[in-house]
C-alpha atoms as a PDB file:
ATOM      1  CA  MET A   1     -11.201 -21.332   2.720  1.00  0.00           C
ATOM      2  CA  MET A   2      -7.579 -21.720   2.828  1.00  0.00           C
ATOM      3  CA  ARG A   3      -7.761 -18.182   2.156  1.00  0.00           C
ATOM      4  CA  PHE A   4      -9.852 -17.309   5.022  1.00  0.00           C
ATOM      5  CA  LEU A   5      -7.555 -19.650   7.270  1.00  0.00           C
ATOM      6  CA  LEU A   6      -3.825 -17.951   6.036  1.00  0.00           C
ATOM      7  CA  VAL A   7      -5.058 -14.540   6.956  1.00  0.00           C
ATOM      8  CA  CYS A   8      -6.807 -15.647   9.905  1.00  0.00           C
ATOM      9  CA  LEU A   9      -3.198 -16.358  10.573  1.00  0.00           C
ATOM     10  CA  PHE A  10      -1.901 -13.207   9.675  1.00  0.00           C
ATOM     11  CA  LEU A  11      -3.868 -10.753  11.416  1.00  0.00           C
ATOM     12  CA  LEU A  12      -3.629 -13.610  14.437  1.00  0.00           C
ATOM     13  CA  PRO A  13      -2.257 -10.550  16.813  1.00  0.00           C
ATOM     14  CA  VAL A  14      -4.707  -8.600  16.190  1.00  0.00           C
ATOM     15  CA  SER A  15      -7.919 -10.688  16.805  1.00  0.00           C
ATOM     16  CA  LEU A  16      -6.841 -12.427  20.192  1.00  0.00           C
ATOM     17  CA  SER A  17      -4.838  -9.073  21.754  1.00  0.00           C
ATOM     18  CA  ALA A  18      -8.070  -6.121  20.816  1.00  0.00           C
ATOM     19  CA  LYS A  19      -8.580  -4.097  23.130  1.00  0.00           C
ATOM     20  CA  ALA A  20     -12.312  -2.804  24.538  1.00  0.00           C
ATOM     21  CA  ASP A  21     -12.043   0.756  23.838  1.00  0.00           C
ATOM     22  CA  ALA A  22      -9.794   2.608  21.467  1.00  0.00           C
ATOM     23  CA  LYS A  23     -10.756   6.058  22.023  1.00  0.00           C
ATOM     24  CA  LEU A  24      -8.557   6.816  23.857  1.00  0.00           C
ATOM     25  CA  ALA A  25      -5.829   6.056  22.077  1.00  0.00           C
ATOM     26  CA  GLU A  26      -3.045   7.958  21.087  1.00  0.00           C
ATOM     27  CA  PRO A  27      -1.426   8.197  17.580  1.00  0.00           C
ATOM     28  CA  PRO A  28       2.039   6.655  17.376  1.00  0.00           C
ATOM     29  CA  PRO A  29       4.499   9.867  17.222  1.00  0.00           C
ATOM     30  CA  LEU A  30       4.730   9.395  13.107  1.00  0.00           C
ATOM     31  CA  LEU A  31       0.978  10.551  13.119  1.00  0.00           C
ATOM     32  CA  LYS A  32       1.261  13.264  15.340  1.00  0.00           C
ATOM     33  CA  GLY A  33       0.232  17.000  14.163  1.00  0.00           C
ATOM     34  CA  VAL A  34      -1.500  14.901  11.345  1.00  0.00           C
ATOM     35  CA  HIS A  35      -4.611  16.494   9.646  1.00  0.00           C
ATOM     36  CA  ARG A  36      -4.381  15.208   5.931  1.00  0.00           C
ATOM     37  CA  ILE A  37      -3.432  12.330   3.909  1.00  0.00           C
ATOM     38  CA  VAL A  38      -2.781  12.648   1.074  1.00  0.00           C
ATOM     39  CA  CYS A  39      -1.920   8.908  -1.004  1.00  0.00           C
ATOM     40  CA  LEU A  40      -0.614   8.233  -4.030  1.00  0.00           C
ATOM     41  CA  GLY A  41      -0.960   6.348  -6.345  1.00  0.00           C
ATOM     42  CA  ASP A  42      -2.002   3.386  -9.007  1.00  0.00           C
ATOM     43  CA  SER A  43      -5.200   1.516 -10.080  1.00  0.00           C
ATOM     44  CA  ILE A  44      -4.229  -0.590  -6.480  1.00  0.00           C
ATOM     45  CA  THR A  45      -4.613   2.442  -4.721  1.00  0.00           C
ATOM     46  CA  GLN A  46      -7.913   4.054  -6.787  1.00  0.00           C
ATOM     47  CA  GLY A  47      -9.247   0.535  -6.891  1.00  0.00           C
ATOM     48  CA  GLY A  48      -8.622   0.850  -2.465  1.00  0.00           C
ATOM     49  CA  GLU A  49     -11.069   3.293  -2.194  1.00  0.00           C
ATOM     50  CA  GLY A  50     -14.548   1.125  -2.061  1.00  0.00           C
ATOM     51  CA  PRO A  51     -15.553  -0.021   0.928  1.00  0.00           C
ATOM     52  CA  GLY A  52     -12.435  -2.530   2.160  1.00  0.00           C
ATOM     53  CA  GLY A  53     -10.274  -1.825  -0.233  1.00  0.00           C
ATOM     54  CA  TYR A  54      -6.029  -1.198   1.635  1.00  0.00           C
ATOM     55  CA  VAL A  55      -7.110   2.694   0.849  1.00  0.00           C
ATOM     56  CA  TRP A  56     -10.596   2.322   3.856  1.00  0.00           C
ATOM     57  CA  LEU A  57      -9.836   0.397   5.565  1.00  0.00           C
ATOM     58  CA  VAL A  58      -6.358   2.494   6.270  1.00  0.00           C
ATOM     59  CA  ARG A  59      -8.569   5.615   6.593  1.00  0.00           C
ATOM     60  CA  HIS A  60     -11.630   3.989   8.575  1.00  0.00           C
ATOM     61  CA  THR A  61      -8.915   3.060  11.044  1.00  0.00           C
ATOM     62  CA  LEU A  62      -7.663   6.229  11.879  1.00  0.00           C
ATOM     63  CA  ALA A  63     -11.044   7.938  11.888  1.00  0.00           C
ATOM     64  CA  ALA A  64     -11.566   4.903  14.771  1.00  0.00           C
ATOM     65  CA  LEU A  65      -9.348   5.706  16.592  1.00  0.00           C
ATOM     66  CA  TYR A  66      -8.056   9.038  16.554  1.00  0.00           C
ATOM     67  CA  PRO A  67     -11.267  10.451  17.017  1.00  0.00           C
ATOM     68  CA  GLN A  68      -9.416  13.699  18.961  1.00  0.00           C
ATOM     69  CA  GLN A  69      -7.173  14.197  15.994  1.00  0.00           C
ATOM     70  CA  PRO A  70      -9.717  13.989  12.656  1.00  0.00           C
ATOM     71  CA  ILE A  71      -7.201  12.544   9.912  1.00  0.00           C
ATOM     72  CA  GLU A  72      -8.676  13.087   5.585  1.00  0.00           C
ATOM     73  CA  VAL A  73      -6.829   9.761   3.538  1.00  0.00           C
ATOM     74  CA  VAL A  74      -7.406  11.809  -0.069  1.00  0.00           C
ATOM     75  CA  ASN A  75      -7.191   8.655  -2.729  1.00  0.00           C
ATOM     76  CA  ALA A  76      -4.839   9.875  -5.529  1.00  0.00           C
ATOM     77  CA  GLY A  77      -4.815   6.960  -7.190  1.00  0.00           C
ATOM     78  CA  ILE A  78      -4.785   6.377 -11.284  1.00  0.00           C
ATOM     79  CA  SER A  79      -5.324   3.733 -12.828  1.00  0.00           C
ATOM     80  CA  GLY A  80      -2.630   2.516 -15.163  1.00  0.00           C
ATOM     81  CA  ASN A  81       0.064   5.444 -13.786  1.00  0.00           C
ATOM     82  CA  LYS A  82       3.589   5.297 -13.499  1.00  0.00           C
ATOM     83  CA  SER A  83       5.982   6.920 -12.070  1.00  0.00           C
ATOM     84  CA  THR A  84       6.712   9.237 -15.006  1.00  0.00           C
ATOM     85  CA  ASP A  85       2.967   9.883 -14.449  1.00  0.00           C
ATOM     86  CA  MET A  86       2.731  10.166 -11.347  1.00  0.00           C
ATOM     87  CA  LEU A  87       5.124  13.124 -11.649  1.00  0.00           C
ATOM     88  CA  GLY A  88       3.393  15.075 -14.261  1.00  0.00           C
ATOM     89  CA  ARG A  89       0.124  15.426 -11.299  1.00  0.00           C
ATOM     90  CA  PHE A  90       2.053  16.323  -8.191  1.00  0.00           C
ATOM     91  CA  GLN A  91       1.663  19.151  -7.674  1.00  0.00           C
ATOM     92  CA  ARG A  92      -2.383  19.376  -8.787  1.00  0.00           C
ATOM     93  CA  ASP A  93      -3.184  15.898  -7.429  1.00  0.00           C
ATOM     94  CA  VAL A  94      -0.279  16.127  -4.241  1.00  0.00           C
ATOM     95  CA  LEU A  95       1.296  19.319  -3.616  1.00  0.00           C
ATOM     96  CA  ASP A  96      -2.307  21.501  -3.498  1.00  0.00           C
ATOM     97  CA  LYS A  97      -3.991  18.712  -1.684  1.00  0.00           C
ATOM     98  CA  LYS A  98      -1.216  20.641   1.189  1.00  0.00           C
ATOM     99  CA  PRO A  99      -1.089  16.633   2.721  1.00  0.00           C
ATOM    100  CA  ASP A 100       0.134  16.594   6.112  1.00  0.00           C
ATOM    101  CA  LEU A 101       1.549  12.814   5.318  1.00  0.00           C
ATOM    102  CA  LEU A 102       2.249  11.149   1.618  1.00  0.00           C
ATOM    103  CA  THR A 103       2.150   7.281   1.040  1.00  0.00           C
ATOM    104  CA  ILE A 104       3.900   6.984  -2.485  1.00  0.00           C
ATOM    105  CA  SER A 105       2.665   3.427  -4.030  1.00  0.00           C
ATOM    106  CA  VAL A 106       4.575   3.922  -7.905  1.00  0.00           C
ATOM    107  CA  GLY A 107       6.210   0.855  -9.719  1.00  0.00           C
ATOM    108  CA  VAL A 108       4.060  -2.167 -10.663  1.00  0.00           C
ATOM    109  CA  ASN A 109       2.911  -0.563 -13.924  1.00  0.00           C
ATOM    110  CA  ASP A 110       6.800   1.154 -14.382  1.00  0.00           C
ATOM    111  CA  VAL A 111       8.579  -2.852 -14.885  1.00  0.00           C
ATOM    112  CA  TRP A 112       4.951  -4.433 -15.985  1.00  0.00           C
ATOM    113  CA  HIS A 113       4.247  -2.432 -18.372  1.00  0.00           C
ATOM    114  CA  GLY A 114       7.362  -3.187 -20.390  1.00  0.00           C
ATOM    115  CA  PHE A 115       6.461  -6.725 -20.654  1.00  0.00           C
ATOM    116  CA  TYR A 116       4.347  -6.426 -23.310  1.00  0.00           C
ATOM    117  CA  ASP A 117       3.626  -6.379 -26.098  1.00  0.00           C
ATOM    118  CA  GLY A 118       5.602  -8.850 -27.091  1.00  0.00           C
ATOM    119  CA  HIS A 119       8.909  -8.763 -24.972  1.00  0.00           C
ATOM    120  CA  PRO A 120       9.058 -11.190 -22.996  1.00  0.00           C
ATOM    121  CA  THR A 121      12.334  -9.444 -20.715  1.00  0.00           C
ATOM    122  CA  GLY A 122      10.637  -6.550 -20.120  1.00  0.00           C
ATOM    123  CA  ASP A 123      12.570  -3.904 -22.790  1.00  0.00           C
ATOM    124  CA  GLY A 124       9.312  -2.761 -24.223  1.00  0.00           C
ATOM    125  CA  PRO A 125       9.000   0.928 -24.718  1.00  0.00           C
ATOM    126  CA  ARG A 126       5.290   1.314 -22.025  1.00  0.00           C
ATOM    127  CA  GLY A 127       8.104   0.379 -19.634  1.00  0.00           C
ATOM    128  CA  ILE A 128      10.369   2.765 -17.733  1.00  0.00           C
ATOM    129  CA  PRO A 129      14.386   2.429 -16.962  1.00  0.00           C
ATOM    130  CA  LEU A 130      15.056   1.871 -13.526  1.00  0.00           C
ATOM    131  CA  PRO A 131      17.476   4.612 -14.072  1.00  0.00           C
ATOM    132  CA  GLU A 132      14.739   6.684 -15.041  1.00  0.00           C
ATOM    133  CA  TYR A 133      12.138   5.217 -12.559  1.00  0.00           C
ATOM    134  CA  ARG A 134      14.531   6.146  -9.501  1.00  0.00           C
ATOM    135  CA  GLN A 135      15.043   9.972 -10.762  1.00  0.00           C
ATOM    136  CA  HIS A 136      11.510  10.850 -11.059  1.00  0.00           C
ATOM    137  CA  VAL A 137      10.668   8.528  -7.515  1.00  0.00           C
ATOM    138  CA  ASP A 138      13.442  11.121  -6.300  1.00  0.00           C
ATOM    139  CA  GLU A 139      12.474  14.146  -7.803  1.00  0.00           C
ATOM    140  CA  ILE A 140       8.503  13.365  -6.416  1.00  0.00           C
ATOM    141  CA  MET A 141      10.345  12.556  -3.190  1.00  0.00           C
ATOM    142  CA  THR A 142      11.983  16.119  -3.057  1.00  0.00           C
ATOM    143  CA  ARG A 143       9.232  17.970  -4.342  1.00  0.00           C
ATOM    144  CA  ALA A 144       7.735  16.652  -0.837  1.00  0.00           C
ATOM    145  CA  GLU A 145       9.821  16.955   1.021  1.00  0.00           C
ATOM    146  CA  LYS A 146      10.598  20.881  -0.071  1.00  0.00           C
ATOM    147  CA  ALA A 147       7.159  21.022   0.537  1.00  0.00           C
ATOM    148  CA  GLY A 148       7.293  20.253   4.832  1.00  0.00           C
ATOM    149  CA  SER A 149       5.635  16.124   3.926  1.00  0.00           C
ATOM    150  CA  LYS A 150       6.532  13.463   5.769  1.00  0.00           C
ATOM    151  CA  ILE A 151       6.223  10.728   3.477  1.00  0.00           C
ATOM    152  CA  VAL A 152       5.982   7.015   3.678  1.00  0.00           C
ATOM    153  CA  ILE A 153       7.705   4.951   0.346  1.00  0.00           C
ATOM    154  CA  LEU A 154       5.100   1.422  -0.493  1.00  0.00           C
ATOM    155  CA  SER A 155       7.765  -1.123  -1.699  1.00  0.00           C
ATOM    156  CA  THR A 156       5.572  -2.283  -5.105  1.00  0.00           C
ATOM    157  CA  THR A 157       3.316  -5.779  -4.278  1.00  0.00           C
ATOM    158  CA  VAL A 158       2.995  -8.417  -7.157  1.00  0.00           C
ATOM    159  CA  ILE A 159       3.192  -9.231 -10.923  1.00  0.00           C
ATOM    160  CA  HIS A 160       1.310 -12.981 -11.001  1.00  0.00           C
ATOM    161  CA  GLU A 161       1.456 -14.399  -7.932  1.00  0.00           C
ATOM    162  CA  ASP A 162       3.997 -16.905  -9.458  1.00  0.00           C
ATOM    163  CA  GLY A 163       7.480 -15.564  -7.675  1.00  0.00           C
ATOM    164  CA  GLY A 164       9.570 -17.515 -10.467  1.00  0.00           C
ATOM    165  CA  ASN A 165       8.398 -15.443 -13.547  1.00  0.00           C
ATOM    166  CA  ARG A 166      10.420 -12.816 -14.546  1.00  0.00           C
ATOM    167  CA  GLU A 167       7.812  -9.445 -13.944  1.00  0.00           C
ATOM    168  CA  ASN A 168       8.736 -10.167 -10.228  1.00  0.00           C
ATOM    169  CA  ALA A 169      12.242 -10.833 -11.229  1.00  0.00           C
ATOM    170  CA  LYS A 170      12.691  -7.453 -12.635  1.00  0.00           C
ATOM    171  CA  LEU A 171      10.632  -5.902  -9.157  1.00  0.00           C
ATOM    172  CA  LYS A 172      13.575  -6.082  -7.628  1.00  0.00           C
ATOM    173  CA  SER A 173      15.388  -3.613  -8.442  1.00  0.00           C
ATOM    174  CA  PHE A 174      12.773  -1.492  -8.159  1.00  0.00           C
ATOM    175  CA  ASN A 175      12.085  -1.694  -5.038  1.00  0.00           C
ATOM    176  CA  ALA A 176      15.543  -2.383  -3.419  1.00  0.00           C
ATOM    177  CA  ALA A 177      15.380   1.768  -5.416  1.00  0.00           C
ATOM    178  CA  LEU A 178      12.800   2.854  -3.481  1.00  0.00           C
ATOM    179  CA  ARG A 179      14.525   1.046  -0.063  1.00  0.00           C
ATOM    180  CA  ASP A 180      17.231   3.363  -0.785  1.00  0.00           C
ATOM    181  CA  LEU A 181      15.278   6.160  -1.808  1.00  0.00           C
ATOM    182  CA  ALA A 182      13.934   5.990   1.560  1.00  0.00           C
ATOM    183  CA  LYS A 183      16.946   5.452   3.891  1.00  0.00           C
ATOM    184  CA  ARG A 184      18.494   9.053   1.765  1.00  0.00           C
ATOM    185  CA  HIS A 185      15.423  10.850   2.355  1.00  0.00           C
ATOM    186  CA  ASN A 186      15.105   9.873   5.714  1.00  0.00           C
ATOM    187  CA  ALA A 187      11.499   8.118   5.131  1.00  0.00           C
ATOM    188  CA  ILE A 188       9.495   5.676   6.276  1.00  0.00           C
ATOM    189  CA  PHE A 189       9.207   2.487   3.507  1.00  0.00           C
ATOM    190  CA  VAL A 190       6.366  -0.369   3.896  1.00  0.00           C
ATOM    191  CA  ASP A 191       6.922  -3.433   2.313  1.00  0.00           C
ATOM    192  CA  PHE A 192       4.774  -5.743   0.873  1.00  0.00           C
ATOM    193  CA  GLN A 193       6.847  -7.580  -0.377  1.00  0.00           C
ATOM    194  CA  LYS A 194       7.251 -10.094   2.701  1.00  0.00           C
ATOM    195  CA  PRO A 195       4.043 -10.565   3.734  1.00  0.00           C
ATOM    196  CA  PHE A 196       2.213 -10.980   0.114  1.00  0.00           C
ATOM    197  CA  TRP A 197       5.492 -13.602  -0.850  1.00  0.00           C
ATOM    198  CA  ALA A 198       4.737 -15.829   3.219  1.00  0.00           C
ATOM    199  CA  LEU A 199       1.430 -15.765   2.146  1.00  0.00           C
ATOM    200  CA  ILE A 200       1.347 -17.373  -1.136  1.00  0.00           C
ATOM    201  CA  THR A 201       3.819 -19.158  -0.242  1.00  0.00           C
ATOM    202  CA  ALA A 202       2.890 -21.165   2.233  1.00  0.00           C
ATOM    203  CA  TYR A 203      -0.275 -21.666   0.732  1.00  0.00           C
ATOM    204  CA  GLN A 204       0.846 -22.749  -2.304  1.00  0.00           C
ATOM    205  CA  HIS A 205       3.924 -25.269  -0.753  1.00  0.00           C
ATOM    206  CA  GLY A 206       0.760 -26.318   1.816  1.00  0.00           C
ATOM    207  CA  THR A 207      -1.888 -27.392  -0.753  1.00  0.00           C
ATOM    208  CA  GLY A 208      -0.280 -27.139  -3.620  1.00  0.00           C
ATOM    209  CA  GLY A 209      -2.529 -24.550  -5.072  1.00  0.00           C
ATOM    210  CA  ARG A 210      -1.596 -22.067  -7.795  1.00  0.00           C
ATOM    211  CA  GLU A 211      -4.115 -19.920  -7.731  1.00  0.00           C
ATOM    212  CA  ASN A 212      -4.582 -16.365  -6.899  1.00  0.00           C
ATOM    213  CA  LEU A 213      -4.695 -16.133  -3.240  1.00  0.00           C
ATOM    214  CA  LEU A 214      -4.243 -11.725  -2.855  1.00  0.00           C
ATOM    215  CA  THR A 215      -5.603 -10.640  -6.388  1.00  0.00           C
ATOM    216  CA  VAL A 216      -8.116 -11.243  -7.990  1.00  0.00           C
ATOM    217  CA  ASP A 217      -6.340 -11.095 -11.217  1.00  0.00           C
ATOM    218  CA  GLY A 218      -2.349 -11.755 -10.158  1.00  0.00           C
ATOM    219  CA  VAL A 219      -2.245  -7.479  -9.945  1.00  0.00           C
ATOM    220  CA  HIS A 220      -5.086  -5.635  -8.685  1.00  0.00           C
ATOM    221  CA  MET A 221      -6.224  -6.603  -4.888  1.00  0.00           C
ATOM    222  CA  ASN A 222      -9.504  -9.277  -3.929  1.00  0.00           C
ATOM    223  CA  PRO A 223     -11.021  -7.904  -0.022  1.00  0.00           C
ATOM    224  CA  THR A 224      -7.840 -10.686   1.727  1.00  0.00           C
ATOM    225  CA  GLY A 225      -5.088  -8.951  -0.067  1.00  0.00           C
ATOM    226  CA  ASN A 226      -6.088  -4.704   0.629  1.00  0.00           C
ATOM    227  CA  ARG A 227      -6.155  -6.235   4.293  1.00  0.00           C
ATOM    228  CA  VAL A 228      -3.196  -7.293   4.035  1.00  0.00           C
ATOM    229  CA  MET A 229      -1.832  -4.552   2.895  1.00  0.00           C
ATOM    230  CA  SER A 230      -4.074  -2.325   5.279  1.00  0.00           C
ATOM    231  CA  HIS A 231      -2.767  -4.529   7.851  1.00  0.00           C
ATOM    232  CA  THR A 232       1.620  -3.777   7.043  1.00  0.00           C
ATOM    233  CA  LEU A 233       0.761   0.392   6.010  1.00  0.00           C
ATOM    234  CA  LEU A 234      -0.764   0.763   9.786  1.00  0.00           C
ATOM    235  CA  THR A 235       1.361  -1.037  11.364  1.00  0.00           C
ATOM    236  CA  GLY A 236       4.682   0.627   9.117  1.00  0.00           C
ATOM    237  CA  LEU A 237       2.562   3.718  10.672  1.00  0.00           C
ATOM    238  CA  GLY A 238       3.069   3.163  14.133  1.00  0.00           C
ATOM    239  CA  ILE A 239       0.052   1.619  14.860  1.00  0.00           C
ATOM    240  CA  THR A 240      -0.004  -1.754  16.935  1.00  0.00           C
ATOM    241  CA  ALA A 241      -1.859  -4.540  15.740  1.00  0.00           C
ATOM    242  CA  GLU A 242      -3.421  -4.570  18.872  1.00  0.00           C
ATOM    243  CA  GLU A 243      -4.744  -1.393  18.452  1.00  0.00           C
ATOM    244  CA  GLN A 244      -5.882  -1.936  14.427  1.00  0.00           C
ATOM    245  CA  GLY A 245      -7.828  -5.206  15.986  1.00  0.00           C
ATOM    246  CA  SER A 246      -9.621  -3.471  18.703  1.00  0.00           C
ATOM    247  CA  VAL A 247     -11.225  -1.649  16.129  1.00  0.00           C
ATOM    248  CA  GLN A 248     -11.707  -4.683  13.565  1.00  0.00           C
ATOM    249  CA  PRO A 249     -16.009  -4.358  14.595  1.00  0.00           C
ATOM    250  CA  THR A 250     -16.273  -0.975  13.541  1.00  0.00           C
ATOM    251  CA  LEU A 251     -14.419  -1.379  10.442  1.00  0.00           C
ATOM    252  CA  ASP A 252     -16.667  -4.592   9.989  1.00  0.00           C
ATOM    253  CA  ALA A 253     -20.054  -2.435  11.382  1.00  0.00           C
ATOM    254  CA  ASP A 254     -19.369   0.000   8.559  1.00  0.00           C
ATOM    255  CA  GLN A 255     -18.165  -1.856   5.586  1.00  0.00           C
ATOM    256  CA  ARG A 256     -21.215  -4.233   5.675  1.00  0.00           C
ATOM    257  CA  ALA A 257     -23.218  -0.451   5.783  1.00  0.00           C
ATOM    258  CA  GLY A 258     -20.898   0.616   2.238  1.00  0.00           C
ATOM    259  CA  LYS A 259     -19.948   3.465   5.294  1.00  0.00           C
ATOM    260  CA  GLN A 260     -17.868   6.642   4.716  1.00  0.00           C
ATOM    261  CA  PRO A 261     -16.309   9.019   6.959  1.00  0.00           C
END
């Protein structure tokens, strides 16, 4: 119940200001001329493909809002991927798809895997050190720029819903690197950290609860987390809360039917 109430509060402007008809909505400037979006990522993105996942929600929102400008959304998420893996498959899974716009979600595994195998400070060999991570993401962005793709950098989400743990402390420098790279490449930066921690903190401080609010296991999204991700990403693309709310009934119906456009 608390999870539902928090999400209602987070999305309140959507439902209160929803339009009755969004068929004539104009795409925001960032989406003008965009017909294919590729979402590069790890298991969070791969898992966002099913009905109610964040990639699914983005795809269906765009289809409902802009039927006059069909936008294909390609999911290029692979479980376990780090920046090294994404760079290695970038030509095949991204550039060969010729995206007009690319979203990049990378970093959770680069940090998290460094804590595996008895490395409590995150310096294990399965992680990616920050300088190398930054170099990999910079190269991905440079190659996307040269191919003429617009770029949207997504911050990481969380590693366990504990703001005081070492994993999330280490993520801060990785997210700072992403923000700086977005600025250097004149790309859009979408911050998931702010809404995630606002909701988690309000829940924990308000109720004393410590169970996961936005994830199924501390990392991978539950329906609530996917909803927050999609809402935040769409807002970052320039789609207002009012416009998102106007097509929510359509999305709800599509999700119940397990529909794919």
